Amino acid sequence: MLVTTTNNIEGKRITKYMGMVSGEAILGANIFKDFFAGIRDIVGGRSASYERELRQAKDMAISEMVEQARSLGGNAVIAVDLDYETLGQGGSMLMVTASGTAVVLED
């Protein structure tokens, strides 16, 4: 399924708008990852553990959104927006939401 942040797809005609679709992923942060990520941040390195968590949460949210679009009969999702939030005391959890519009593209 085609997933894009744009409102249309060059060379394709949208024949039907199926409605808004979304997906969410909430992941808890591991205390040891937090500790080592903090150390890496102090010395100026990248936090690979946080980057992995962000990527995993994004992929989960997009997959859930795509499944919802598929269940509505869509074959693409346009105008996709990704939002990232931290939840809990001290930002102990990460939430990623993906939302967009499910559409049917001409074949």
PDB file of N, CA and C in Angstrom:
ATOM      1  N   MET A   1       0.845  -1.174   0.000  1.00  0.00           N
ATOM      2  CA  MET A   1       0.000   0.000   0.000  1.00  0.00           C
ATOM      3  C   MET A   1       0.889   1.235   0.000  1.00  0.00           C
ATOM      4  N   LEU A   2       0.528   2.193  -0.838  1.00  0.00           N
ATOM      5  CA  LEU A   2       1.272   3.441  -0.912  1.00  0.00           C
ATOM      6  C   LEU A   2       0.893   4.332   0.261  1.00  0.00           C
ATOM      7  N   VAL A   3       1.894   4.838   0.966  1.00  0.00           N
ATOM      8  CA  VAL A   3       1.693   5.739   2.102  1.00  0.00           C
ATOM      9  C   VAL A   3       2.543   6.973   1.839  1.00  0.00           C
ATOM     10  N   THR A   4       1.905   8.153   1.853  1.00  0.00           N
ATOM     11  CA  THR A   4       2.630   9.374   1.516  1.00  0.00           C
ATOM     12  C   THR A   4       2.163  10.559   2.360  1.00  0.00           C
ATOM     13  N   THR A   5       3.049  11.512   2.533  1.00  0.00           N
ATOM     14  CA  THR A   5       2.699  12.729   3.267  1.00  0.00           C
ATOM     15  C   THR A   5       2.033  13.767   2.362  1.00  0.00           C
ATOM     16  N   THR A   6       2.036  13.530   1.071  1.00  0.00           N
ATOM     17  CA  THR A   6       1.440  14.491   0.139  1.00  0.00           C
ATOM     18  C   THR A   6      -0.075  14.298   0.054  1.00  0.00           C
ATOM     19  N   ASN A   7      -0.765  15.299  -0.481  1.00  0.00           N
ATOM     20  CA  ASN A   7      -2.225  15.247  -0.584  1.00  0.00           C
ATOM     21  C   ASN A   7      -2.721  14.591  -1.869  1.00  0.00           C
ATOM     22  N   ASN A   8      -1.825  14.364  -2.792  1.00  0.00           N
ATOM     23  CA  ASN A   8      -2.184  13.655  -4.022  1.00  0.00           C
ATOM     24  C   ASN A   8      -0.957  12.892  -4.500  1.00  0.00           C
ATOM     25  N   ILE A   9      -1.169  12.056  -5.494  1.00  0.00           N
ATOM     26  CA  ILE A   9      -0.085  11.221  -6.005  1.00  0.00           C
ATOM     27  C   ILE A   9       0.024  11.476  -7.499  1.00  0.00           C
ATOM     28  N   GLU A  10       1.166  11.984  -7.900  1.00  0.00           N
ATOM     29  CA  GLU A  10       1.374  12.348  -9.304  1.00  0.00           C
ATOM     30  C   GLU A  10       1.099  11.161 -10.214  1.00  0.00           C
ATOM     31  N   GLY A  11       0.295  11.407 -11.240  1.00  0.00           N
ATOM     32  CA  GLY A  11      -0.015  10.382 -12.218  1.00  0.00           C
ATOM     33  C   GLY A  11      -1.142   9.450 -11.817  1.00  0.00           C
ATOM     34  N   LYS A  12      -1.690   9.621 -10.639  1.00  0.00           N
ATOM     35  CA  LYS A  12      -2.800   8.771 -10.168  1.00  0.00           C
ATOM     36  C   LYS A  12      -3.988   9.663  -9.815  1.00  0.00           C
ATOM     37  N   ARG A  13      -5.167   9.133 -10.051  1.00  0.00           N
ATOM     38  CA  ARG A  13      -6.385   9.875  -9.722  1.00  0.00           C
ATOM     39  C   ARG A  13      -7.045   9.206  -8.522  1.00  0.00           C
ATOM     40  N   ILE A  14      -7.409  10.004  -7.545  1.00  0.00           N
ATOM     41  CA  ILE A  14      -8.134   9.484  -6.389  1.00  0.00           C
ATOM     42  C   ILE A  14      -9.593   9.353  -6.797  1.00  0.00           C
ATOM     43  N   THR A  15     -10.117   8.142  -6.693  1.00  0.00           N
ATOM     44  CA  THR A  15     -11.503   7.911  -7.099  1.00  0.00           C
ATOM     45  C   THR A  15     -12.466   7.903  -5.920  1.00  0.00           C
ATOM     46  N   LYS A  16     -11.931   7.678  -4.720  1.00  0.00           N
ATOM     47  CA  LYS A  16     -12.807   7.643  -3.558  1.00  0.00           C
ATOM     48  C   LYS A  16     -12.006   7.935  -2.293  1.00  0.00           C
ATOM     49  N   TYR A  17     -12.578   8.760  -1.434  1.00  0.00           N
ATOM     50  CA  TYR A  17     -12.000   9.038  -0.123  1.00  0.00           C
ATOM     51  C   TYR A  17     -12.714   8.146   0.882  1.00  0.00           C
ATOM     52  N   MET A  18     -11.957   7.313   1.581  1.00  0.00           N
ATOM     53  CA  MET A  18     -12.544   6.343   2.507  1.00  0.00           C
ATOM     54  C   MET A  18     -12.637   6.874   3.935  1.00  0.00           C
ATOM     55  N   GLY A  19     -11.918   7.934   4.238  1.00  0.00           N
ATOM     56  CA  GLY A  19     -11.974   8.523   5.577  1.00  0.00           C
ATOM     57  C   GLY A  19     -10.629   8.535   6.270  1.00  0.00           C
ATOM     58  N   MET A  20     -10.633   9.173   7.425  1.00  0.00           N
ATOM     59  CA  MET A  20      -9.410   9.296   8.209  1.00  0.00           C
ATOM     60  C   MET A  20      -9.072   7.964   8.870  1.00  0.00           C
ATOM     61  N   VAL A  21      -7.783   7.658   8.887  1.00  0.00           N
ATOM     62  CA  VAL A  21      -7.291   6.455   9.546  1.00  0.00           C
ATOM     63  C   VAL A  21      -6.124   6.832  10.441  1.00  0.00           C
ATOM     64  N   SER A  22      -5.906   6.031  11.477  1.00  0.00           N
ATOM     65  CA  SER A  22      -4.808   6.343  12.389  1.00  0.00           C
ATOM     66  C   SER A  22      -4.265   5.069  13.007  1.00  0.00           C
ATOM     67  N   GLY A  23      -3.091   5.193  13.545  1.00  0.00           N
ATOM     68  CA  GLY A  23      -2.448   4.105  14.267  1.00  0.00           C
ATOM     69  C   GLY A  23      -1.646   4.689  15.399  1.00  0.00           C
ATOM     70  N   GLU A  24      -1.578   3.966  16.496  1.00  0.00           N
ATOM     71  CA  GLU A  24      -0.851   4.436  17.662  1.00  0.00           C
ATOM     72  C   GLU A  24       0.071   3.341  18.170  1.00  0.00           C
ATOM     73  N   ALA A  25       1.166   3.761  18.750  1.00  0.00           N
ATOM     74  CA  ALA A  25       2.088   2.825  19.398  1.00  0.00           C
ATOM     75  C   ALA A  25       2.624   3.505  20.645  1.00  0.00           C
ATOM     76  N   ILE A  26       2.557   2.796  21.752  1.00  0.00           N
ATOM     77  CA  ILE A  26       3.101   3.312  23.008  1.00  0.00           C
ATOM     78  C   ILE A  26       4.104   2.292  23.511  1.00  0.00           C
ATOM     79  N   LEU A  27       5.320   2.751  23.716  1.00  0.00           N
ATOM     80  CA  LEU A  27       6.390   1.873  24.174  1.00  0.00           C
ATOM     81  C   LEU A  27       6.959   2.401  25.482  1.00  0.00           C
ATOM     82  N   GLY A  28       7.201   1.508  26.421  1.00  0.00           N
ATOM     83  CA  GLY A  28       7.851   1.887  27.673  1.00  0.00           C
ATOM     84  C   GLY A  28       9.352   1.893  27.483  1.00  0.00           C
ATOM     85  N   ALA A  29      10.003   2.838  28.112  1.00  0.00           N
ATOM     86  CA  ALA A  29      11.468   2.927  28.019  1.00  0.00           C
ATOM     87  C   ALA A  29      12.095   2.096  29.137  1.00  0.00           C
ATOM     88  N   ASN A  30      13.122   1.374  28.816  1.00  0.00           N
ATOM     89  CA  ASN A  30      13.839   0.540  29.770  1.00  0.00           C
ATOM     90  C   ASN A  30      14.808   1.400  30.577  1.00  0.00           C
ATOM     91  N   ILE A  31      14.853   1.209  31.879  1.00  0.00           N
ATOM     92  CA  ILE A  31      15.702   2.033  32.750  1.00  0.00           C
ATOM     93  C   ILE A  31      17.179   1.938  32.388  1.00  0.00           C
ATOM     94  N   PHE A  32      17.649   0.760  31.963  1.00  0.00           N
ATOM     95  CA  PHE A  32      19.060   0.640  31.588  1.00  0.00           C
ATOM     96  C   PHE A  32      19.347   1.379  30.292  1.00  0.00           C
ATOM     97  N   LYS A  33      18.431   1.300  29.340  1.00  0.00           N
ATOM     98  CA  LYS A  33      18.595   2.060  28.100  1.00  0.00           C
ATOM     99  C   LYS A  33      18.641   3.546  28.416  1.00  0.00           C
ATOM    100  N   ASP A  34      17.747   4.002  29.308  1.00  0.00           N
ATOM    101  CA  ASP A  34      17.733   5.416  29.699  1.00  0.00           C
ATOM    102  C   ASP A  34      19.076   5.836  30.274  1.00  0.00           C
ATOM    103  N   PHE A  35      19.626   4.998  31.150  1.00  0.00           N
ATOM    104  CA  PHE A  35      20.897   5.311  31.792  1.00  0.00           C
ATOM    105  C   PHE A  35      22.015   5.438  30.767  1.00  0.00           C
ATOM    106  N   PHE A  36      22.143   4.435  29.896  1.00  0.00           N
ATOM    107  CA  PHE A  36      23.220   4.466  28.898  1.00  0.00           C
ATOM    108  C   PHE A  36      22.990   5.537  27.835  1.00  0.00           C
ATOM    109  N   ALA A  37      21.742   5.797  27.497  1.00  0.00           N
ATOM    110  CA  ALA A  37      21.451   6.867  26.544  1.00  0.00           C
ATOM    111  C   ALA A  37      21.873   8.205  27.130  1.00  0.00           C
ATOM    112  N   GLY A  38      21.623   8.403  28.424  1.00  0.00           N
ATOM    113  CA  GLY A  38      22.034   9.643  29.091  1.00  0.00           C
ATOM    114  C   GLY A  38      23.532   9.833  29.048  1.00  0.00           C
ATOM    115  N   ILE A  39      24.277   8.754  29.264  1.00  0.00           N
ATOM    116  CA  ILE A  39      25.746   8.830  29.211  1.00  0.00           C
ATOM    117  C   ILE A  39      26.196   9.206  27.806  1.00  0.00           C
ATOM    118  N   ARG A  40      25.609   8.577  26.778  1.00  0.00           N
ATOM    119  CA  ARG A  40      25.984   8.891  25.398  1.00  0.00           C
ATOM    120  C   ARG A  40      25.663  10.348  25.072  1.00  0.00           C
ATOM    121  N   ASP A  41      24.531  10.825  25.577  1.00  0.00           N
ATOM    122  CA  ASP A  41      24.154  12.204  25.302  1.00  0.00           C
ATOM    123  C   ASP A  41      25.150  13.181  25.935  1.00  0.00           C
ATOM    124  N   ILE A  42      25.649  12.848  27.109  1.00  0.00           N
ATOM    125  CA  ILE A  42      26.611  13.712  27.795  1.00  0.00           C
ATOM    126  C   ILE A  42      27.889  13.837  26.979  1.00  0.00           C
ATOM    127  N   VAL A  43      28.362  12.747  26.405  1.00  0.00           N
ATOM    128  CA  VAL A  43      29.612  12.788  25.652  1.00  0.00           C
ATOM    129  C   VAL A  43      29.387  13.158  24.187  1.00  0.00           C
ATOM    130  N   GLY A  44      28.147  13.457  23.816  1.00  0.00           N
ATOM    131  CA  GLY A  44      27.879  13.954  22.471  1.00  0.00           C
ATOM    132  C   GLY A  44      27.599  12.904  21.428  1.00  0.00           C
ATOM    133  N   GLY A  45      27.491  11.649  21.808  1.00  0.00           N
ATOM    134  CA  GLY A  45      27.202  10.595  20.846  1.00  0.00           C
ATOM    135  C   GLY A  45      25.714  10.481  20.583  1.00  0.00           C
ATOM    136  N   ARG A  46      25.376   9.660  19.619  1.00  0.00           N
ATOM    137  CA  ARG A  46      23.967   9.404  19.307  1.00  0.00           C
ATOM    138  C   ARG A  46      23.459   8.291  20.195  1.00  0.00           C
ATOM    139  N   SER A  47      22.194   8.333  20.514  1.00  0.00           N
ATOM    140  CA  SER A  47      21.573   7.308  21.335  1.00  0.00           C
ATOM    141  C   SER A  47      20.902   6.270  20.435  1.00  0.00           C
ATOM    142  N   ALA A  48      21.648   5.221  20.107  1.00  0.00           N
ATOM    143  CA  ALA A  48      21.133   4.188  19.202  1.00  0.00           C
ATOM    144  C   ALA A  48      19.914   3.494  19.781  1.00  0.00           C
ATOM    145  N   SER A  49      19.866   3.323  21.102  1.00  0.00           N
ATOM    146  CA  SER A  49      18.718   2.635  21.703  1.00  0.00           C
ATOM    147  C   SER A  49      17.449   3.460  21.528  1.00  0.00           C
ATOM    148  N   TYR A  50      17.518   4.759  21.732  1.00  0.00           N
ATOM    149  CA  TYR A  50      16.344   5.611  21.530  1.00  0.00           C
ATOM    150  C   TYR A  50      15.960   5.672  20.052  1.00  0.00           C
ATOM    151  N   GLU A  51      16.941   5.732  19.175  1.00  0.00           N
ATOM    152  CA  GLU A  51      16.651   5.760  17.744  1.00  0.00           C
ATOM    153  C   GLU A  51      15.931   4.485  17.319  1.00  0.00           C
ATOM    154  N   ARG A  52      16.367   3.348  17.852  1.00  0.00           N
ATOM    155  CA  ARG A  52      15.699   2.079  17.559  1.00  0.00           C
ATOM    156  C   ARG A  52      14.266   2.079  18.072  1.00  0.00           C
ATOM    157  N   GLU A  53      14.060   2.567  19.290  1.00  0.00           N
ATOM    158  CA  GLU A  53      12.720   2.634  19.877  1.00  0.00           C
ATOM    159  C   GLU A  53      11.807   3.540  19.042  1.00  0.00           C
ATOM    160  N   LEU A  54      12.321   4.685  18.629  1.00  0.00           N
ATOM    161  CA  LEU A  54      11.533   5.606  17.800  1.00  0.00           C
ATOM    162  C   LEU A  54      11.148   4.966  16.478  1.00  0.00           C
ATOM    163  N   ARG A  55      12.092   4.314  15.837  1.00  0.00           N
ATOM    164  CA  ARG A  55      11.840   3.658  14.556  1.00  0.00           C
ATOM    165  C   ARG A  55      10.803   2.540  14.720  1.00  0.00           C
ATOM    166  N   GLN A  56      10.944   1.752  15.778  1.00  0.00           N
ATOM    167  CA  GLN A  56      10.019   0.652  16.026  1.00  0.00           C
ATOM    168  C   GLN A  56       8.608   1.188  16.282  1.00  0.00           C
ATOM    169  N   ALA A  57       8.490   2.230  17.094  1.00  0.00           N
ATOM    170  CA  ALA A  57       7.175   2.816  17.387  1.00  0.00           C
ATOM    171  C   ALA A  57       6.554   3.413  16.127  1.00  0.00           C
ATOM    172  N   LYS A  58       7.360   4.086  15.307  1.00  0.00           N
ATOM    173  CA  LYS A  58       6.857   4.670  14.055  1.00  0.00           C
ATOM    174  C   LYS A  58       6.344   3.577  13.126  1.00  0.00           C
ATOM    175  N   ASP A  59       7.121   2.510  12.976  1.00  0.00           N
ATOM    176  CA  ASP A  59       6.720   1.404  12.102  1.00  0.00           C
ATOM    177  C   ASP A  59       5.428   0.747  12.587  1.00  0.00           C
ATOM    178  N   MET A  60       5.289   0.577  13.900  1.00  0.00           N
ATOM    179  CA  MET A  60       4.072  -0.018  14.457  1.00  0.00           C
ATOM    180  C   MET A  60       2.859   0.866  14.195  1.00  0.00           C
ATOM    181  N   ALA A  61       3.003   2.170  14.408  1.00  0.00           N
ATOM    182  CA  ALA A  61       1.884   3.103  14.204  1.00  0.00           C
ATOM    183  C   ALA A  61       1.468   3.130  12.733  1.00  0.00           C
ATOM    184  N   ILE A  62       2.439   3.156  11.826  1.00  0.00           N
ATOM    185  CA  ILE A  62       2.122   3.171  10.390  1.00  0.00           C
ATOM    186  C   ILE A  62       1.460   1.856   9.981  1.00  0.00           C
ATOM    187  N   SER A  63       1.951   0.737  10.478  1.00  0.00           N
ATOM    188  CA  SER A  63       1.349  -0.565  10.146  1.00  0.00           C
ATOM    189  C   SER A  63      -0.102  -0.633  10.595  1.00  0.00           C
ATOM    190  N   GLU A  64      -0.383  -0.135  11.791  1.00  0.00           N
ATOM    191  CA  GLU A  64      -1.754  -0.126  12.296  1.00  0.00           C
ATOM    192  C   GLU A  64      -2.643   0.763  11.434  1.00  0.00           C
ATOM    193  N   MET A  65      -2.122   1.928  11.022  1.00  0.00           N
ATOM    194  CA  MET A  65      -2.870   2.845  10.164  1.00  0.00           C
ATOM    195  C   MET A  65      -3.165   2.195   8.814  1.00  0.00           C
ATOM    196  N   VAL A  66      -2.177   1.519   8.230  1.00  0.00           N
ATOM    197  CA  VAL A  66      -2.338   0.851   6.939  1.00  0.00           C
ATOM    198  C   VAL A  66      -3.390  -0.250   7.032  1.00  0.00           C
ATOM    199  N   GLU A  67      -3.378  -1.021   8.105  1.00  0.00           N
ATOM    200  CA  GLU A  67      -4.378  -2.079   8.281  1.00  0.00           C
ATOM    201  C   GLU A  67      -5.788  -1.500   8.366  1.00  0.00           C
ATOM    202  N   GLN A  68      -5.913  -0.369   9.049  1.00  0.00           N
ATOM    203  CA  GLN A  68      -7.222   0.284   9.138  1.00  0.00           C
ATOM    204  C   GLN A  68      -7.671   0.756   7.756  1.00  0.00           C
ATOM    205  N   ALA A  69      -6.757   1.328   6.981  1.00  0.00           N
ATOM    206  CA  ALA A  69      -7.089   1.775   5.623  1.00  0.00           C
ATOM    207  C   ALA A  69      -7.505   0.595   4.755  1.00  0.00           C
ATOM    208  N   ARG A  70      -6.782  -0.501   4.870  1.00  0.00           N
ATOM    209  CA  ARG A  70      -7.094  -1.713   4.097  1.00  0.00           C
ATOM    210  C   ARG A  70      -8.487  -2.233   4.454  1.00  0.00           C
ATOM    211  N   SER A  71      -8.828  -2.202   5.740  1.00  0.00           N
ATOM    212  CA  SER A  71     -10.140  -2.710   6.169  1.00  0.00           C
ATOM    213  C   SER A  71     -11.285  -1.830   5.669  1.00  0.00           C
ATOM    214  N   LEU A  72     -10.993  -0.566   5.362  1.00  0.00           N
ATOM    215  CA  LEU A  72     -12.001   0.332   4.794  1.00  0.00           C
ATOM    216  C   LEU A  72     -12.102   0.191   3.276  1.00  0.00           C
ATOM    217  N   GLY A  73     -11.179  -0.549   2.673  1.00  0.00           N
ATOM    218  CA  GLY A  73     -11.177  -0.736   1.226  1.00  0.00           C
ATOM    219  C   GLY A  73     -10.234   0.185   0.489  1.00  0.00           C
ATOM    220  N   GLY A  74      -9.390   0.907   1.209  1.00  0.00           N
ATOM    221  CA  GLY A  74      -8.436   1.813   0.569  1.00  0.00           C
ATOM    222  C   GLY A  74      -7.232   1.076   0.021  1.00  0.00           C
ATOM    223  N   ASN A  75      -6.569   1.677  -0.956  1.00  0.00           N
ATOM    224  CA  ASN A  75      -5.331   1.102  -1.472  1.00  0.00           C
ATOM    225  C   ASN A  75      -4.158   2.073  -1.357  1.00  0.00           C
ATOM    226  N   ALA A  76      -4.396   3.199  -0.651  1.00  0.00           N
ATOM    227  CA  ALA A  76      -3.334   4.166  -0.372  1.00  0.00           C
ATOM    228  C   ALA A  76      -3.759   5.023   0.819  1.00  0.00           C
ATOM    229  N   VAL A  77      -2.766   5.628   1.466  1.00  0.00           N
ATOM    230  CA  VAL A  77      -3.028   6.587   2.535  1.00  0.00           C
ATOM    231  C   VAL A  77      -2.264   7.850   2.187  1.00  0.00           C
ATOM    232  N   ILE A  78      -2.988   8.964   2.121  1.00  0.00           N
ATOM    233  CA  ILE A  78      -2.370  10.244   1.775  1.00  0.00           C
ATOM    234  C   ILE A  78      -2.389  11.176   2.985  1.00  0.00           C
ATOM    235  N   ALA A  79      -1.654  12.281   2.875  1.00  0.00           N
ATOM    236  CA  ALA A  79      -1.613  13.328   3.902  1.00  0.00           C
ATOM    237  C   ALA A  79      -1.244  12.765   5.270  1.00  0.00           C
ATOM    238  N   VAL A  80      -0.269  11.865   5.302  1.00  0.00           N
ATOM    239  CA  VAL A  80       0.131  11.224   6.558  1.00  0.00           C
ATOM    240  C   VAL A  80       0.901  12.207   7.427  1.00  0.00           C
ATOM    241  N   ASP A  81       0.551  12.194   8.713  1.00  0.00           N
ATOM    242  CA  ASP A  81       1.214  13.028   9.713  1.00  0.00           C
ATOM    243  C   ASP A  81       1.667  12.121  10.849  1.00  0.00           C
ATOM    244  N   LEU A  82       2.905  12.279  11.283  1.00  0.00           N
ATOM    245  CA  LEU A  82       3.441  11.533  12.419  1.00  0.00           C
ATOM    246  C   LEU A  82       3.651  12.485  13.582  1.00  0.00           C
ATOM    247  N   ASP A  83       3.204  12.065  14.758  1.00  0.00           N
ATOM    248  CA  ASP A  83       3.395  12.858  15.975  1.00  0.00           C
ATOM    249  C   ASP A  83       4.080  12.003  17.022  1.00  0.00           C
ATOM    250  N   TYR A  84       4.989  12.608  17.772  1.00  0.00           N
ATOM    251  CA  TYR A  84       5.735  11.934  18.823  1.00  0.00           C
ATOM    252  C   TYR A  84       5.471  12.641  20.142  1.00  0.00           C
ATOM    253  N   GLU A  85       5.184  11.866  21.187  1.00  0.00           N
ATOM    254  CA  GLU A  85       4.933  12.425  22.519  1.00  0.00           C
ATOM    255  C   GLU A  85       5.588  11.519  23.556  1.00  0.00           C
ATOM    256  N   THR A  86       5.978  12.115  24.673  1.00  0.00           N
ATOM    257  CA  THR A  86       6.412  11.317  25.811  1.00  0.00           C
ATOM    258  C   THR A  86       5.319  11.378  26.864  1.00  0.00           C
ATOM    259  N   LEU A  87       5.129  10.272  27.555  1.00  0.00           N
ATOM    260  CA  LEU A  87       4.091  10.141  28.568  1.00  0.00           C
ATOM    261  C   LEU A  87       4.697   9.636  29.868  1.00  0.00           C
ATOM    262  N   GLY A  88       3.973   9.805  30.947  1.00  0.00           N
ATOM    263  CA  GLY A  88       4.407   9.275  32.232  1.00  0.00           C
ATOM    264  C   GLY A  88       5.384  10.199  32.920  1.00  0.00           C
ATOM    265  N   GLN A  89       5.686   9.846  34.160  1.00  0.00           N
ATOM    266  CA  GLN A  89       6.625  10.648  34.939  1.00  0.00           C
ATOM    267  C   GLN A  89       8.001  10.609  34.304  1.00  0.00           C
ATOM    268  N   GLY A  90       8.534  11.769  34.044  1.00  0.00           N
ATOM    269  CA  GLY A  90       9.867  11.856  33.456  1.00  0.00           C
ATOM    270  C   GLY A  90       9.945  11.351  32.033  1.00  0.00           C
ATOM    271  N   GLY A  91       8.799  11.271  31.340  1.00  0.00           N
ATOM    272  CA  GLY A  91       8.803  10.817  29.955  1.00  0.00           C
ATOM    273  C   GLY A  91       9.195   9.365  29.807  1.00  0.00           C
ATOM    274  N   SER A  92       8.683   8.516  30.705  1.00  0.00           N
ATOM    275  CA  SER A  92       9.091   7.111  30.726  1.00  0.00           C
ATOM    276  C   SER A  92       8.472   6.280  29.607  1.00  0.00           C
ATOM    277  N   MET A  93       7.509   6.849  28.895  1.00  0.00           N
ATOM    278  CA  MET A  93       6.889   6.118  27.791  1.00  0.00           C
ATOM    279  C   MET A  93       6.885   6.998  26.547  1.00  0.00           C
ATOM    280  N   LEU A  94       6.952   6.354  25.402  1.00  0.00           N
ATOM    281  CA  LEU A  94       6.976   7.045  24.123  1.00  0.00           C
ATOM    282  C   LEU A  94       5.714   6.686  23.354  1.00  0.00           C
ATOM    283  N   MET A  95       5.002   7.699  22.845  1.00  0.00           N
ATOM    284  CA  MET A  95       3.820   7.453  22.028  1.00  0.00           C
ATOM    285  C   MET A  95       4.046   8.055  20.650  1.00  0.00           C
ATOM    286  N   VAL A  96       3.762   7.260  19.629  1.00  0.00           N
ATOM    287  CA  VAL A  96       3.826   7.722  18.250  1.00  0.00           C
ATOM    288  C   VAL A  96       2.453   7.516  17.639  1.00  0.00           C
ATOM    289  N   THR A  97       1.929   8.552  16.999  1.00  0.00           N
ATOM    290  CA  THR A  97       0.662   8.415  16.281  1.00  0.00           C
ATOM    291  C   THR A  97       0.896   8.734  14.812  1.00  0.00           C
ATOM    292  N   ALA A  98       0.246   7.955  13.971  1.00  0.00           N
ATOM    293  CA  ALA A  98       0.276   8.181  12.523  1.00  0.00           C
ATOM    294  C   ALA A  98      -1.169   8.354  12.094  1.00  0.00           C
ATOM    295  N   SER A  99      -1.450   9.406  11.341  1.00  0.00           N
ATOM    296  CA  SER A  99      -2.808   9.614  10.843  1.00  0.00           C
ATOM    297  C   SER A  99      -2.752  10.085   9.400  1.00  0.00           C
ATOM    298  N   GLY A 100      -3.789   9.775   8.668  1.00  0.00           N
ATOM    299  CA  GLY A 100      -3.863  10.151   7.264  1.00  0.00           C
ATOM    300  C   GLY A 100      -5.255   9.877   6.725  1.00  0.00           C
ATOM    301  N   THR A 101      -5.402   9.988   5.429  1.00  0.00           N
ATOM    302  CA  THR A 101      -6.685   9.748   4.770  1.00  0.00           C
ATOM    303  C   THR A 101      -6.555   8.529   3.865  1.00  0.00           C
ATOM    304  N   ALA A 102      -7.416   7.545   4.111  1.00  0.00           N
ATOM    305  CA  ALA A 102      -7.446   6.358   3.251  1.00  0.00           C
ATOM    306  C   ALA A 102      -8.183   6.716   1.969  1.00  0.00           C
ATOM    307  N   VAL A 103      -7.605   6.335   0.844  1.00  0.00           N
ATOM    308  CA  VAL A 103      -8.209   6.630  -0.455  1.00  0.00           C
ATOM    309  C   VAL A 103      -8.133   5.400  -1.361  1.00  0.00           C
ATOM    310  N   VAL A 104      -8.916   5.462  -2.424  1.00  0.00           N
ATOM    311  CA  VAL A 104      -8.818   4.464  -3.483  1.00  0.00           C
ATOM    312  C   VAL A 104      -8.238   5.187  -4.698  1.00  0.00           C
ATOM    313  N   LEU A 105      -7.139   4.655  -5.198  1.00  0.00           N
ATOM    314  CA  LEU A 105      -6.509   5.198  -6.408  1.00  0.00           C
ATOM    315  C   LEU A 105      -6.964   4.389  -7.602  1.00  0.00           C
ATOM    316  N   GLU A 106      -7.074   5.057  -8.750  1.00  0.00           N
ATOM    317  CA  GLU A 106      -7.400   4.329  -9.966  1.00  0.00           C
ATOM    318  C   GLU A 106      -6.292   3.351 -10.298  1.00  0.00           C
ATOM    319  N   ASP A 107      -6.636   2.261 -10.937  1.00  0.00           N
ATOM    320  CA  ASP A 107      -5.626   1.257 -11.329  1.00  0.00           C
ATOM    321  C   ASP A 107      -4.850   1.701 -12.530  1.00  0.00           C
TER     322      ASP A 107
END
